[in-house]
Amino acid sequence: MGIIAWIILGLVVGLLAEKIVNGTERHGLIVTTLIGIAGGLFGGWLATKLFHVNDIKGFFHISTWLTALAGSVILLLAYHLVTGQRGIRR
């Protein structure tokens, strides 16, 4: 995928991860996008290690979005642990 596709994927997945973890609290658009992009990379790496997936095929493939979302949620929870912010809403 190209860099523009990673940014778009990161933005969308970062917003979804924030909605899942935070509810109504928001970070800035840049932080959300960076966590989403890093989550996509982390999710892809994790899928390679755990499920022996060698290649995630393309921008519109569901596995690309699911691994990016899972990675983003994990990184967002780790971000909350490091910064001391409240995680999942009660």
C-alpha atoms as a PDB file:
ATOM      1  CA  MET A   1       0.000   0.000   0.000  1.00  0.00           C
ATOM      2  CA  GLY A   2       1.122   3.530  -0.669  1.00  0.00           C
ATOM      3  CA  ILE A   3       1.744   6.139   1.987  1.00  0.00           C
ATOM      4  CA  ILE A   4      -1.547   7.908   1.258  1.00  0.00           C
ATOM      5  CA  ALA A   5      -3.443   4.641   1.723  1.00  0.00           C
ATOM      6  CA  TRP A   6      -1.672   4.053   5.079  1.00  0.00           C
ATOM      7  CA  ILE A   7      -2.639   7.560   6.225  1.00  0.00           C
ATOM      8  CA  ILE A   8      -6.277   7.078   5.227  1.00  0.00           C
ATOM      9  CA  LEU A   9      -6.356   3.634   6.835  1.00  0.00           C
ATOM     10  CA  GLY A  10      -4.691   5.040   9.965  1.00  0.00           C
ATOM     11  CA  LEU A  11      -7.166   7.890  10.247  1.00  0.00           C
ATOM     12  CA  VAL A  12     -10.245   5.694   9.872  1.00  0.00           C
ATOM     13  CA  VAL A  13      -8.964   2.902  12.100  1.00  0.00           C
ATOM     14  CA  GLY A  14      -7.650   5.373  14.673  1.00  0.00           C
ATOM     15  CA  LEU A  15     -11.084   7.010  14.883  1.00  0.00           C
ATOM     16  CA  LEU A  16     -12.745   3.612  15.288  1.00  0.00           C
ATOM     17  CA  ALA A  17     -10.254   2.565  17.967  1.00  0.00           C
ATOM     18  CA  GLU A  18     -10.840   5.819  19.854  1.00  0.00           C
ATOM     19  CA  LYS A  19     -14.587   5.256  19.741  1.00  0.00           C
ATOM     20  CA  ILE A  20     -14.149   1.703  21.061  1.00  0.00           C
ATOM     21  CA  VAL A  21     -11.732   2.624  23.850  1.00  0.00           C
ATOM     22  CA  ASN A  22     -12.630   6.188  24.822  1.00  0.00           C
ATOM     23  CA  GLY A  23     -16.257   6.721  23.931  1.00  0.00           C
ATOM     24  CA  THR A  24     -16.701  10.487  23.778  1.00  0.00           C
ATOM     25  CA  GLU A  25     -13.163  11.597  24.726  1.00  0.00           C
ATOM     26  CA  ARG A  26     -11.017  12.623  21.780  1.00  0.00           C
ATOM     27  CA  HIS A  27      -7.340  13.092  21.039  1.00  0.00           C
ATOM     28  CA  GLY A  28      -6.184  15.368  18.278  1.00  0.00           C
ATOM     29  CA  LEU A  29      -6.490  14.315  14.656  1.00  0.00           C
ATOM     30  CA  ILE A  30      -2.719  13.900  14.303  1.00  0.00           C
ATOM     31  CA  VAL A  31      -2.399  11.697  17.411  1.00  0.00           C
ATOM     32  CA  THR A  32      -5.382   9.627  16.266  1.00  0.00           C
ATOM     33  CA  THR A  33      -3.873   9.153  12.799  1.00  0.00           C
ATOM     34  CA  LEU A  34      -0.425   8.284  14.169  1.00  0.00           C
ATOM     35  CA  ILE A  35      -1.882   5.723  16.590  1.00  0.00           C
ATOM     36  CA  GLY A  36      -3.931   4.286  13.724  1.00  0.00           C
ATOM     37  CA  ILE A  37      -0.924   4.002  11.399  1.00  0.00           C
ATOM     38  CA  ALA A  38       1.243   2.528  14.143  1.00  0.00           C
ATOM     39  CA  GLY A  39      -1.625   0.184  15.032  1.00  0.00           C
ATOM     40  CA  GLY A  40      -1.818  -0.950  11.433  1.00  0.00           C
ATOM     41  CA  LEU A  41       1.874  -1.717  11.394  1.00  0.00           C
ATOM     42  CA  PHE A  42       1.710  -3.380  14.814  1.00  0.00           C
ATOM     43  CA  GLY A  43      -1.361  -5.396  13.830  1.00  0.00           C
ATOM     44  CA  GLY A  44       0.315  -6.556  10.635  1.00  0.00           C
ATOM     45  CA  TRP A  45       3.434  -7.582  12.551  1.00  0.00           C
ATOM     46  CA  LEU A  46       1.329  -9.372  15.180  1.00  0.00           C
ATOM     47  CA  ALA A  47      -0.660 -11.228  12.514  1.00  0.00           C
ATOM     48  CA  THR A  48       2.611 -12.351  10.935  1.00  0.00           C
ATOM     49  CA  LYS A  49       3.956 -13.682  14.227  1.00  0.00           C
ATOM     50  CA  LEU A  50       0.771 -15.254  15.628  1.00  0.00           C
ATOM     51  CA  PHE A  51      -1.050 -16.485  12.538  1.00  0.00           C
ATOM     52  CA  HIS A  52       1.885 -16.851  10.137  1.00  0.00           C
ATOM     53  CA  VAL A  53       0.256 -14.473   7.680  1.00  0.00           C
ATOM     54  CA  ASN A  54       2.976 -13.496   5.245  1.00  0.00           C
ATOM     55  CA  ASP A  55       1.153 -10.794   3.417  1.00  0.00           C
ATOM     56  CA  ILE A  56      -1.974  -8.749   3.902  1.00  0.00           C
ATOM     57  CA  LYS A  57      -3.326  -8.187   0.431  1.00  0.00           C
ATOM     58  CA  GLY A  58      -4.453  -4.718  -0.323  1.00  0.00           C
ATOM     59  CA  PHE A  59      -6.290  -1.769   1.065  1.00  0.00           C
ATOM     60  CA  PHE A  60      -9.815  -3.130   0.695  1.00  0.00           C
ATOM     61  CA  HIS A  61      -9.160  -6.563   2.182  1.00  0.00           C
ATOM     62  CA  ILE A  62     -10.987  -7.115   5.492  1.00  0.00           C
ATOM     63  CA  SER A  63      -7.952  -8.639   7.201  1.00  0.00           C
ATOM     64  CA  THR A  64      -6.026  -5.399   6.636  1.00  0.00           C
ATOM     65  CA  TRP A  65      -8.694  -3.404   8.451  1.00  0.00           C
ATOM     66  CA  LEU A  66      -9.216  -5.917  11.271  1.00  0.00           C
ATOM     67  CA  THR A  67      -5.535  -6.284  12.103  1.00  0.00           C
ATOM     68  CA  ALA A  68      -5.073  -2.514  11.930  1.00  0.00           C
ATOM     69  CA  LEU A  69      -8.056  -2.022  14.259  1.00  0.00           C
ATOM     70  CA  ALA A  70      -6.817  -4.619  16.731  1.00  0.00           C
ATOM     71  CA  GLY A  71      -3.337  -3.118  16.701  1.00  0.00           C
ATOM     72  CA  SER A  72      -4.732   0.397  17.157  1.00  0.00           C
ATOM     73  CA  VAL A  73      -6.870  -0.628  20.115  1.00  0.00           C
ATOM     74  CA  ILE A  74      -3.869  -2.314  21.765  1.00  0.00           C
ATOM     75  CA  LEU A  75      -1.656   0.725  21.178  1.00  0.00           C
ATOM     76  CA  LEU A  76      -4.355   3.108  22.392  1.00  0.00           C
ATOM     77  CA  LEU A  77      -4.732   1.121  25.602  1.00  0.00           C
ATOM     78  CA  ALA A  78      -0.942   1.154  26.024  1.00  0.00           C
ATOM     79  CA  TYR A  79      -0.970   4.919  25.403  1.00  0.00           C
ATOM     80  CA  HIS A  80      -3.513   5.335  28.199  1.00  0.00           C
ATOM     81  CA  LEU A  81      -1.409   3.223  30.547  1.00  0.00           C
ATOM     82  CA  VAL A  82       1.687   5.325  29.844  1.00  0.00           C
ATOM     83  CA  THR A  83      -0.027   8.716  30.064  1.00  0.00           C
ATOM     84  CA  GLY A  84      -2.259   7.750  32.977  1.00  0.00           C
ATOM     85  CA  GLN A  85      -5.481   8.636  31.190  1.00  0.00           C
ATOM     86  CA  ARG A  86      -8.706   6.801  31.750  1.00  0.00           C
ATOM     87  CA  GLY A  87      -9.191   3.887  29.356  1.00  0.00           C
ATOM     88  CA  ILE A  88     -12.477   2.154  28.657  1.00  0.00           C
ATOM     89  CA  ARG A  89     -15.483   4.175  29.744  1.00  0.00           C
ATOM     90  CA  ARG A  90     -17.648   2.940  32.578  1.00  0.00           C
END
